[in-house]
């Protein structure tokens, strides 16, 4: 049985990424625009953030856990490809992966390791079913509160600085 801690950890990463992009979507939009050489709207970044939040929530709900783990694995593969492409750009802008949590974060090896671990965790959730228990609802609420506090305080600091 896949550990509840593994599922909560993976869910929390998606939760932080989604809430960060919802709080400050412009950084991710600028990064994606530079990466694709096309304009990227704030609305499309918000849709991406909602998908990340749906993955996070889905991992904690037994009937859709495996589907969410599959989407998480596929999204992790896409993220790895994005990071490889971004690492090759001569002039990088901050990725905005976690919104205001990491305001000036360029693509580096730490992000490759994080996404590779997300892919591994997704694979483990797919390979080792967690049963039909509802995992982490309490932990999910705590993680959401932490994400809101972290993104909110960072967002306020960024607004004060501007």
N, C-alpha and C. Protein backbone atom coordinates (compact mmCIF):
# COMPACT_ATOMS: atom_id res chain seq x y z
N UNK A 1 0.85 -1.17 0.00
CA UNK A 1 0.00 0.00 0.00
C UNK A 1 0.90 1.24 0.00
N UNK A 2 0.64 2.15 -0.93
CA UNK A 2 1.43 3.39 -1.01
C UNK A 2 1.21 4.19 0.27
N UNK A 3 2.29 4.72 0.80
CA UNK A 3 2.21 5.45 2.06
C UNK A 3 1.43 6.73 1.96
N UNK A 4 0.69 7.00 3.02
CA UNK A 4 -0.07 8.25 3.07
C UNK A 4 0.86 9.45 2.99
N UNK A 5 2.05 9.33 3.60
CA UNK A 5 3.01 10.43 3.58
C UNK A 5 3.45 10.77 2.16
N UNK A 6 3.67 9.74 1.35
CA UNK A 6 4.06 9.95 -0.05
C UNK A 6 2.97 10.68 -0.82
N UNK A 7 1.74 10.25 -0.62
CA UNK A 7 0.62 10.87 -1.31
C UNK A 7 0.43 12.31 -0.85
N UNK A 8 0.54 12.54 0.45
CA UNK A 8 0.38 13.89 0.98
C UNK A 8 1.51 14.79 0.49
N UNK A 9 2.74 14.27 0.44
CA UNK A 9 3.86 15.08 -0.04
C UNK A 9 3.66 15.48 -1.49
N UNK A 10 3.29 14.52 -2.33
CA UNK A 10 3.06 14.81 -3.74
C UNK A 10 1.89 15.79 -3.91
N UNK A 11 0.83 15.54 -3.17
CA UNK A 11 -0.33 16.42 -3.21
C UNK A 11 0.03 17.84 -2.78
N UNK A 12 0.88 17.95 -1.77
CA UNK A 12 1.28 19.27 -1.25
C UNK A 12 2.10 20.06 -2.27
N UNK A 13 2.97 19.37 -3.00
CA UNK A 13 3.76 20.07 -4.03
C UNK A 13 2.84 20.65 -5.10
N UNK A 14 1.88 19.83 -5.55
CA UNK A 14 0.93 20.33 -6.55
C UNK A 14 0.09 21.48 -5.97
N UNK A 15 -0.27 21.36 -4.71
CA UNK A 15 -1.06 22.40 -4.04
C UNK A 15 -0.29 23.71 -3.98
N UNK A 16 0.97 23.66 -3.57
CA UNK A 16 1.79 24.87 -3.50
C UNK A 16 2.00 25.49 -4.88
N UNK A 17 2.23 24.65 -5.88
CA UNK A 17 2.42 25.17 -7.24
C UNK A 17 1.14 25.85 -7.74
N UNK A 18 0.01 25.21 -7.51
CA UNK A 18 -1.26 25.79 -7.98
C UNK A 18 -1.63 27.07 -7.27
N UNK A 19 -1.50 27.09 -5.94
CA UNK A 19 -1.85 28.32 -5.22
C UNK A 19 -0.87 29.44 -5.52
N UNK A 20 0.39 29.09 -5.73
CA UNK A 20 1.38 30.12 -6.08
C UNK A 20 1.07 30.78 -7.41
N UNK A 21 0.68 29.97 -8.39
CA UNK A 21 0.33 30.53 -9.70
C UNK A 21 -0.97 31.32 -9.66
N UNK A 22 -1.89 30.90 -8.83
CA UNK A 22 -3.13 31.67 -8.69
C UNK A 22 -2.86 33.02 -8.04
N UNK A 23 -1.94 33.04 -7.08
CA UNK A 23 -1.64 34.30 -6.37
C UNK A 23 -0.94 35.30 -7.29
N UNK A 24 0.05 34.83 -8.04
CA UNK A 24 0.82 35.73 -8.92
C UNK A 24 1.06 35.01 -10.25
N UNK A 25 0.09 35.05 -11.15
CA UNK A 25 0.22 34.31 -12.41
C UNK A 25 1.14 34.98 -13.43
N UNK A 26 1.46 36.25 -13.26
CA UNK A 26 2.24 36.96 -14.28
C UNK A 26 3.65 36.41 -14.47
N UNK A 27 4.28 35.94 -13.37
CA UNK A 27 5.63 35.38 -13.51
C UNK A 27 5.62 34.14 -14.39
N UNK A 28 4.70 33.24 -14.15
CA UNK A 28 4.61 32.02 -14.96
C UNK A 28 4.24 32.36 -16.40
N UNK A 29 3.37 33.36 -16.59
CA UNK A 29 2.99 33.77 -17.95
C UNK A 29 4.20 34.31 -18.71
N UNK A 30 5.01 35.12 -18.06
CA UNK A 30 6.21 35.67 -18.71
C UNK A 30 7.20 34.56 -19.06
N UNK A 31 7.36 33.61 -18.15
CA UNK A 31 8.26 32.48 -18.38
C UNK A 31 7.78 31.66 -19.58
N UNK A 32 6.49 31.30 -19.59
CA UNK A 32 5.96 30.50 -20.68
C UNK A 32 5.98 31.24 -22.01
N UNK A 33 5.77 32.56 -21.97
CA UNK A 33 5.84 33.36 -23.19
C UNK A 33 7.26 33.35 -23.76
N UNK A 34 8.25 33.47 -22.89
CA UNK A 34 9.64 33.42 -23.36
C UNK A 34 9.97 32.04 -23.90
N UNK A 35 9.46 31.02 -23.27
CA UNK A 35 9.75 29.65 -23.66
C UNK A 35 9.13 29.30 -25.01
N UNK A 36 7.93 29.79 -25.26
CA UNK A 36 7.20 29.43 -26.48
C UNK A 36 7.28 30.48 -27.58
N UNK A 37 7.83 31.64 -27.26
CA UNK A 37 7.87 32.77 -28.21
C UNK A 37 6.48 33.18 -28.68
N UNK A 38 5.52 33.02 -27.80
CA UNK A 38 4.13 33.41 -28.07
C UNK A 38 3.57 34.06 -26.82
N UNK A 39 2.60 34.94 -26.99
CA UNK A 39 1.99 35.53 -25.80
C UNK A 39 1.21 34.48 -25.00
N UNK A 40 1.35 34.54 -23.70
CA UNK A 40 0.63 33.64 -22.81
C UNK A 40 -0.19 34.51 -21.86
N UNK A 41 -1.47 34.22 -21.79
CA UNK A 41 -2.35 35.05 -20.98
C UNK A 41 -2.34 34.60 -19.52
N UNK A 42 -2.69 35.53 -18.66
CA UNK A 42 -2.83 35.22 -17.24
C UNK A 42 -3.94 34.19 -17.06
N UNK A 43 -4.97 34.27 -17.86
CA UNK A 43 -6.08 33.32 -17.77
C UNK A 43 -5.59 31.89 -18.02
N UNK A 44 -4.72 31.69 -18.98
CA UNK A 44 -4.23 30.34 -19.26
C UNK A 44 -3.36 29.83 -18.11
N UNK A 45 -2.62 30.71 -17.46
CA UNK A 45 -1.83 30.31 -16.28
C UNK A 45 -2.77 29.94 -15.14
N UNK A 46 -3.85 30.66 -14.99
CA UNK A 46 -4.82 30.32 -13.94
C UNK A 46 -5.47 28.96 -14.20
N UNK A 47 -5.73 28.65 -15.48
CA UNK A 47 -6.28 27.33 -15.82
C UNK A 47 -5.26 26.25 -15.45
N UNK A 48 -3.99 26.50 -15.77
CA UNK A 48 -2.93 25.56 -15.39
C UNK A 48 -2.89 25.38 -13.88
N UNK A 49 -3.02 26.48 -13.14
CA UNK A 49 -3.04 26.41 -11.67
C UNK A 49 -4.21 25.57 -11.17
N UNK A 50 -5.37 25.73 -11.79
CA UNK A 50 -6.54 24.94 -11.38
C UNK A 50 -6.34 23.45 -11.66
N UNK A 51 -5.66 23.13 -12.75
CA UNK A 51 -5.34 21.73 -13.04
C UNK A 51 -4.42 21.18 -11.96
N UNK A 52 -3.41 21.98 -11.55
CA UNK A 52 -2.51 21.55 -10.49
C UNK A 52 -3.26 21.33 -9.17
N UNK A 53 -4.20 22.22 -8.88
CA UNK A 53 -5.00 22.06 -7.67
C UNK A 53 -5.90 20.82 -7.76
N UNK A 54 -6.42 20.54 -8.95
CA UNK A 54 -7.26 19.35 -9.14
C UNK A 54 -6.43 18.08 -8.95
N UNK A 55 -5.19 18.07 -9.44
CA UNK A 55 -4.31 16.92 -9.21
C UNK A 55 -4.09 16.75 -7.72
N UNK A 56 -3.81 17.85 -7.03
CA UNK A 56 -3.56 17.80 -5.59
C UNK A 56 -4.75 17.20 -4.84
N UNK A 57 -5.92 17.71 -5.11
CA UNK A 57 -7.12 17.22 -4.44
C UNK A 57 -7.42 15.78 -4.84
N UNK A 58 -7.29 15.48 -6.12
CA UNK A 58 -7.59 14.14 -6.60
C UNK A 58 -6.73 13.05 -5.98
N UNK A 59 -5.50 13.39 -5.65
CA UNK A 59 -4.62 12.40 -5.02
C UNK A 59 -5.10 11.97 -3.65
N UNK A 60 -5.92 12.77 -3.01
CA UNK A 60 -6.41 12.44 -1.67
C UNK A 60 -7.77 11.75 -1.68
N UNK A 61 -8.38 11.59 -2.84
CA UNK A 61 -9.72 11.00 -2.94
C UNK A 61 -9.61 9.64 -3.63
N UNK A 62 -9.92 8.55 -2.91
CA UNK A 62 -9.71 7.20 -3.44
C UNK A 62 -10.29 6.91 -4.83
N UNK A 63 -11.54 7.27 -5.13
CA UNK A 63 -12.06 6.89 -6.45
C UNK A 63 -11.30 7.50 -7.63
N UNK A 64 -10.62 8.63 -7.42
CA UNK A 64 -9.91 9.27 -8.53
C UNK A 64 -8.40 9.35 -8.29
N UNK A 65 -7.91 8.67 -7.27
CA UNK A 65 -6.49 8.75 -6.92
C UNK A 65 -5.60 8.25 -8.06
N UNK A 66 -5.93 7.10 -8.64
CA UNK A 66 -5.08 6.56 -9.70
C UNK A 66 -5.10 7.44 -10.94
N UNK A 67 -6.25 7.96 -11.29
CA UNK A 67 -6.33 8.89 -12.43
C UNK A 67 -5.50 10.14 -12.15
N UNK A 68 -5.59 10.66 -10.94
CA UNK A 68 -4.82 11.84 -10.56
C UNK A 68 -3.32 11.54 -10.58
N UNK A 69 -2.93 10.35 -10.14
CA UNK A 69 -1.51 9.97 -10.17
C UNK A 69 -1.02 9.84 -11.60
N UNK A 70 -1.87 9.34 -12.49
CA UNK A 70 -1.51 9.25 -13.91
C UNK A 70 -1.32 10.65 -14.50
N UNK A 71 -2.27 11.54 -14.22
CA UNK A 71 -2.16 12.92 -14.71
C UNK A 71 -0.92 13.59 -14.10
N UNK A 72 -0.64 13.31 -12.84
CA UNK A 72 0.55 13.85 -12.17
C UNK A 72 1.82 13.36 -12.87
N UNK A 73 1.87 12.08 -13.20
CA UNK A 73 3.04 11.53 -13.89
C UNK A 73 3.22 12.17 -15.27
N UNK A 74 2.13 12.27 -16.01
CA UNK A 74 2.20 12.90 -17.34
C UNK A 74 2.62 14.37 -17.25
N UNK A 75 2.05 15.08 -16.28
CA UNK A 75 2.41 16.48 -16.09
C UNK A 75 3.87 16.62 -15.69
N UNK A 76 4.37 15.68 -14.90
CA UNK A 76 5.77 15.72 -14.49
C UNK A 76 6.71 15.51 -15.68
N UNK A 77 6.32 14.62 -16.60
CA UNK A 77 7.11 14.42 -17.82
C UNK A 77 7.13 15.71 -18.65
N UNK A 78 5.97 16.34 -18.78
CA UNK A 78 5.90 17.61 -19.51
C UNK A 78 6.76 18.67 -18.82
N UNK A 79 6.68 18.73 -17.50
CA UNK A 79 7.49 19.71 -16.76
C UNK A 79 8.99 19.47 -16.96
N UNK A 80 9.41 18.21 -16.99
CA UNK A 80 10.82 17.91 -17.25
C UNK A 80 11.23 18.42 -18.63
N UNK A 81 10.38 18.21 -19.62
CA UNK A 81 10.67 18.69 -20.97
C UNK A 81 10.75 20.22 -21.00
N UNK A 82 9.85 20.89 -20.28
CA UNK A 82 9.87 22.35 -20.20
C UNK A 82 11.16 22.83 -19.54
N UNK A 83 11.58 22.16 -18.47
CA UNK A 83 12.80 22.55 -17.78
C UNK A 83 14.03 22.36 -18.67
N UNK A 84 14.07 21.28 -19.44
CA UNK A 84 15.20 21.06 -20.34
C UNK A 84 15.26 22.18 -21.37
N UNK A 85 14.12 22.52 -21.93
CA UNK A 85 14.09 23.61 -22.93
C UNK A 85 14.48 24.94 -22.29
N UNK A 86 13.95 25.20 -21.10
CA UNK A 86 14.23 26.47 -20.43
C UNK A 86 15.70 26.59 -20.05
N UNK A 87 16.32 25.47 -19.68
CA UNK A 87 17.74 25.51 -19.29
C UNK A 87 18.62 25.88 -20.46
N UNK A 88 18.14 25.67 -21.66
CA UNK A 88 18.93 25.98 -22.87
C UNK A 88 18.76 27.43 -23.33
N UNK A 89 17.82 28.15 -22.74
CA UNK A 89 17.62 29.54 -23.13
C UNK A 89 18.78 30.40 -22.64
N UNK A 90 19.26 31.32 -23.49
CA UNK A 90 20.39 32.15 -23.07
C UNK A 90 20.04 33.15 -21.97
N UNK A 91 18.85 33.71 -22.02
CA UNK A 91 18.44 34.72 -21.05
C UNK A 91 17.16 34.25 -20.37
N UNK A 92 17.28 33.81 -19.14
CA UNK A 92 16.13 33.24 -18.44
C UNK A 92 15.42 34.28 -17.58
N UNK A 93 14.11 34.15 -17.55
CA UNK A 93 13.30 34.92 -16.60
C UNK A 93 12.90 33.94 -15.50
N UNK A 94 12.49 34.43 -14.32
CA UNK A 94 12.04 33.51 -13.26
C UNK A 94 10.90 32.64 -13.76
N UNK A 95 10.91 31.37 -13.36
CA UNK A 95 9.92 30.43 -13.90
C UNK A 95 8.52 30.64 -13.36
N UNK A 96 8.38 31.17 -12.16
CA UNK A 96 7.04 31.36 -11.60
C UNK A 96 6.36 30.07 -11.23
N UNK A 97 7.13 28.99 -11.11
CA UNK A 97 6.55 27.67 -10.82
C UNK A 97 5.73 27.64 -9.54
N UNK A 98 6.20 28.37 -8.53
CA UNK A 98 5.50 28.42 -7.26
C UNK A 98 5.05 29.84 -6.94
N UNK A 99 4.82 30.62 -7.97
CA UNK A 99 4.33 31.98 -7.78
C UNK A 99 5.23 32.80 -6.89
N UNK A 100 4.68 33.45 -5.89
CA UNK A 100 5.47 34.35 -5.05
C UNK A 100 6.32 33.65 -4.00
N UNK A 101 6.20 32.32 -3.90
CA UNK A 101 7.00 31.62 -2.90
C UNK A 101 8.50 31.74 -3.20
N UNK A 102 8.83 31.72 -4.47
CA UNK A 102 10.22 31.85 -4.89
C UNK A 102 10.22 32.91 -5.98
N UNK A 103 10.42 34.15 -5.60
CA UNK A 103 10.21 35.27 -6.51
C UNK A 103 11.19 35.33 -7.67
N UNK A 104 12.46 35.02 -7.45
CA UNK A 104 13.45 35.20 -8.51
C UNK A 104 14.16 33.89 -8.79
N UNK A 105 13.42 32.83 -9.02
CA UNK A 105 14.01 31.50 -9.20
C UNK A 105 14.18 31.18 -10.67
N UNK A 106 15.42 31.06 -11.10
CA UNK A 106 15.73 30.62 -12.46
C UNK A 106 15.77 29.08 -12.46
N UNK A 107 15.67 28.50 -13.64
CA UNK A 107 15.71 27.04 -13.75
C UNK A 107 17.10 26.56 -13.33
N UNK A 108 17.13 25.60 -12.41
CA UNK A 108 18.40 25.03 -11.96
C UNK A 108 18.22 23.54 -11.65
N UNK A 109 19.29 22.92 -11.20
CA UNK A 109 19.25 21.47 -10.96
C UNK A 109 18.26 21.08 -9.86
N UNK A 110 18.00 21.97 -8.91
CA UNK A 110 17.05 21.65 -7.85
C UNK A 110 15.66 21.39 -8.42
N UNK A 111 15.27 22.15 -9.43
CA UNK A 111 13.96 21.94 -10.03
C UNK A 111 13.90 20.62 -10.78
N UNK A 112 15.00 20.24 -11.44
CA UNK A 112 15.03 18.95 -12.12
C UNK A 112 14.86 17.82 -11.10
N UNK A 113 15.54 17.93 -9.97
CA UNK A 113 15.43 16.89 -8.93
C UNK A 113 14.01 16.84 -8.38
N UNK A 114 13.41 17.99 -8.09
CA UNK A 114 12.04 18.02 -7.57
C UNK A 114 11.06 17.37 -8.53
N UNK A 115 11.14 17.72 -9.81
CA UNK A 115 10.19 17.16 -10.78
C UNK A 115 10.46 15.66 -10.99
N UNK A 116 11.72 15.26 -10.98
CA UNK A 116 12.02 13.83 -11.09
C UNK A 116 11.44 13.06 -9.89
N UNK A 117 11.53 13.65 -8.70
CA UNK A 117 10.94 13.02 -7.51
C UNK A 117 9.41 12.99 -7.62
N UNK A 118 8.82 14.03 -8.19
CA UNK A 118 7.37 14.04 -8.39
C UNK A 118 6.97 12.91 -9.35
N UNK A 119 7.75 12.72 -10.40
CA UNK A 119 7.48 11.64 -11.36
C UNK A 119 7.62 10.28 -10.66
N UNK A 120 8.66 10.11 -9.87
CA UNK A 120 8.85 8.86 -9.14
C UNK A 120 7.69 8.61 -8.16
N UNK A 121 7.30 9.65 -7.41
CA UNK A 121 6.19 9.51 -6.46
C UNK A 121 4.90 9.16 -7.18
N UNK A 122 4.66 9.79 -8.33
CA UNK A 122 3.45 9.49 -9.11
C UNK A 122 3.47 8.03 -9.55
N UNK A 123 4.62 7.57 -10.00
CA UNK A 123 4.75 6.18 -10.41
C UNK A 123 4.51 5.22 -9.26
N UNK A 124 5.01 5.56 -8.08
CA UNK A 124 4.79 4.70 -6.91
C UNK A 124 3.32 4.65 -6.52
N UNK A 125 2.64 5.78 -6.60
CA UNK A 125 1.21 5.80 -6.29
C UNK A 125 0.45 4.93 -7.29
N UNK A 126 0.87 4.96 -8.56
CA UNK A 126 0.22 4.13 -9.57
C UNK A 126 0.53 2.64 -9.35
N UNK A 127 1.77 2.34 -8.98
CA UNK A 127 2.20 0.95 -8.86
C UNK A 127 1.73 0.28 -7.58
N UNK A 128 1.61 1.06 -6.51
CA UNK A 128 1.26 0.49 -5.21
C UNK A 128 -0.02 1.17 -4.72
N UNK A 129 -1.18 0.58 -4.99
CA UNK A 129 -2.44 1.22 -4.61
C UNK A 129 -2.52 1.49 -3.10
N UNK A 130 -3.18 2.59 -2.78
CA UNK A 130 -3.31 3.00 -1.37
C UNK A 130 -4.61 2.53 -0.75
N UNK A 131 -5.35 1.71 -1.44
CA UNK A 131 -6.61 1.24 -0.88
C UNK A 131 -7.70 2.28 -1.05
N UNK A 132 -8.77 2.08 -0.30
CA UNK A 132 -9.92 2.97 -0.47
C UNK A 132 -10.08 3.94 0.69
N UNK A 133 -9.01 4.19 1.43
CA UNK A 133 -9.08 5.15 2.54
C UNK A 133 -8.96 6.57 2.00
N UNK A 134 -9.67 7.47 2.62
CA UNK A 134 -9.52 8.87 2.30
C UNK A 134 -8.30 9.37 3.06
N UNK A 135 -7.29 9.72 2.34
CA UNK A 135 -6.02 10.11 2.96
C UNK A 135 -5.89 11.62 3.00
N UNK A 136 -5.43 12.07 4.10
CA UNK A 136 -4.93 13.42 4.17
C UNK A 136 -5.91 14.55 4.10
N UNK A 137 -7.17 14.32 4.35
CA UNK A 137 -8.08 15.45 4.32
C UNK A 137 -7.67 16.48 5.36
N UNK A 138 -7.31 16.01 6.53
CA UNK A 138 -6.84 16.91 7.59
C UNK A 138 -5.52 17.55 7.15
N UNK A 139 -4.60 16.71 6.66
CA UNK A 139 -3.31 17.23 6.21
C UNK A 139 -3.49 18.16 5.02
N UNK A 140 -4.44 17.87 4.15
CA UNK A 140 -4.70 18.72 2.98
C UNK A 140 -5.17 20.10 3.43
N UNK A 141 -6.01 20.15 4.42
CA UNK A 141 -6.48 21.43 4.94
C UNK A 141 -5.32 22.20 5.56
N UNK A 142 -4.45 21.52 6.30
CA UNK A 142 -3.27 22.17 6.86
C UNK A 142 -2.33 22.66 5.76
N UNK A 143 -2.12 21.83 4.73
CA UNK A 143 -1.26 22.23 3.62
C UNK A 143 -1.84 23.43 2.88
N UNK A 144 -3.16 23.44 2.69
CA UNK A 144 -3.80 24.57 2.04
C UNK A 144 -3.64 25.83 2.86
N UNK A 145 -3.82 25.73 4.16
CA UNK A 145 -3.64 26.89 5.04
C UNK A 145 -2.20 27.40 4.96
N UNK A 146 -1.24 26.47 4.99
CA UNK A 146 0.17 26.87 4.89
C UNK A 146 0.45 27.52 3.54
N UNK A 147 -0.10 26.96 2.47
CA UNK A 147 0.11 27.53 1.13
C UNK A 147 -0.47 28.93 1.04
N UNK A 148 -1.66 29.11 1.60
CA UNK A 148 -2.27 30.44 1.56
C UNK A 148 -1.48 31.45 2.37
N UNK A 149 -1.00 31.04 3.53
CA UNK A 149 -0.19 31.95 4.35
C UNK A 149 1.12 32.29 3.64
N UNK A 150 1.80 31.26 3.11
CA UNK A 150 3.08 31.50 2.44
C UNK A 150 2.92 32.36 1.20
N UNK A 151 1.96 32.01 0.35
CA UNK A 151 1.78 32.79 -0.88
C UNK A 151 1.25 34.18 -0.56
N UNK A 152 0.37 34.27 0.42
CA UNK A 152 -0.20 35.57 0.77
C UNK A 152 0.84 36.52 1.33
N UNK A 153 1.67 36.05 2.24
CA UNK A 153 2.68 36.95 2.81
C UNK A 153 3.72 37.33 1.78
N UNK A 154 4.10 36.39 0.94
CA UNK A 154 5.09 36.70 -0.11
C UNK A 154 4.49 37.68 -1.11
N UNK A 155 3.23 37.48 -1.46
CA UNK A 155 2.54 38.37 -2.39
C UNK A 155 2.49 39.79 -1.82
N UNK A 156 2.17 39.91 -0.54
CA UNK A 156 2.11 41.22 0.08
C UNK A 156 3.49 41.89 0.09
N UNK A 157 4.54 41.11 0.35
CA UNK A 157 5.90 41.66 0.31
C UNK A 157 6.25 42.14 -1.08
N UNK A 158 5.89 41.38 -2.10
CA UNK A 158 6.16 41.78 -3.47
C UNK A 158 5.40 43.04 -3.85
N UNK A 159 4.17 43.16 -3.38
CA UNK A 159 3.37 44.36 -3.67
C UNK A 159 3.95 45.58 -2.99
N UNK A 160 4.44 45.40 -1.77
CA UNK A 160 5.06 46.53 -1.05
C UNK A 160 6.34 46.98 -1.72
N UNK A 161 7.08 46.02 -2.29
CA UNK A 161 8.34 46.34 -2.93
C UNK A 161 8.12 47.07 -4.26
N UNK A 162 6.99 46.82 -4.89
CA UNK A 162 6.73 47.42 -6.22
C UNK A 162 6.28 48.87 -6.13
